[in-house]
């Protein structure tokens, strides 16, 4: 998880679903999505 604290919140995106559903859920859970892990998972 090194370096994750420096990542910035995007605030809003151009995607209504992300802005109204995904980002609020991530904020509420105080979590993040690591795109590198998602990519590695999809490559298996």
Protein backbone atom coordinates (compact mmCIF):
# COMPACT_ATOMS: atom_id res chain seq x y z
CA UNK A 1 0.00 0.00 0.00
CA UNK A 2 3.04 2.23 -0.24
CA UNK A 3 2.36 5.50 -2.01
CA UNK A 4 -1.42 5.20 -1.82
CA UNK A 5 -1.75 8.07 0.66
CA UNK A 6 -0.45 10.51 -1.96
CA UNK A 7 -3.18 9.65 -4.46
CA UNK A 8 -5.68 12.43 -5.04
CA UNK A 9 -9.43 12.17 -4.93
CA UNK A 10 -10.78 12.84 -8.45
CA UNK A 11 -13.68 14.82 -7.02
CA UNK A 12 -15.96 14.30 -10.00
CA UNK A 13 -15.67 12.45 -13.26
CA UNK A 14 -17.59 12.61 -16.51
CA UNK A 15 -19.49 9.47 -15.50
CA UNK A 16 -22.79 10.00 -13.68
CA UNK A 17 -22.72 6.48 -12.16
CA UNK A 18 -19.19 6.94 -10.81
CA UNK A 19 -20.01 10.37 -9.39
CA UNK A 20 -23.31 9.41 -7.78
CA UNK A 21 -22.70 5.78 -6.74
CA UNK A 22 -19.10 4.58 -6.83
CA UNK A 23 -17.19 7.56 -5.45
CA UNK A 24 -19.61 8.14 -2.53
CA UNK A 25 -19.37 4.43 -1.63
CA UNK A 26 -15.57 4.55 -1.74
CA UNK A 27 -15.56 7.69 0.44
CA UNK A 28 -17.96 6.13 2.93
CA UNK A 29 -15.86 2.96 3.18
CA UNK A 30 -12.67 5.05 3.34
CA UNK A 31 -11.26 2.71 0.72
CA UNK A 32 -9.59 2.92 -2.65
CA UNK A 33 -9.43 0.89 -5.85
CA UNK A 34 -5.95 -0.13 -6.91
CA UNK A 35 -6.12 -0.21 -10.70
CA UNK A 36 -2.88 -2.20 -10.95
CA UNK A 37 -4.36 -5.01 -8.85
CA UNK A 38 -7.57 -4.99 -10.93
CA UNK A 39 -5.48 -5.22 -14.11
CA UNK A 40 -3.38 -8.10 -12.70
CA UNK A 41 -6.55 -9.93 -11.63
CA UNK A 42 -8.05 -9.62 -15.10
CA UNK A 43 -4.86 -10.98 -16.71
CA UNK A 44 -5.04 -14.30 -14.81
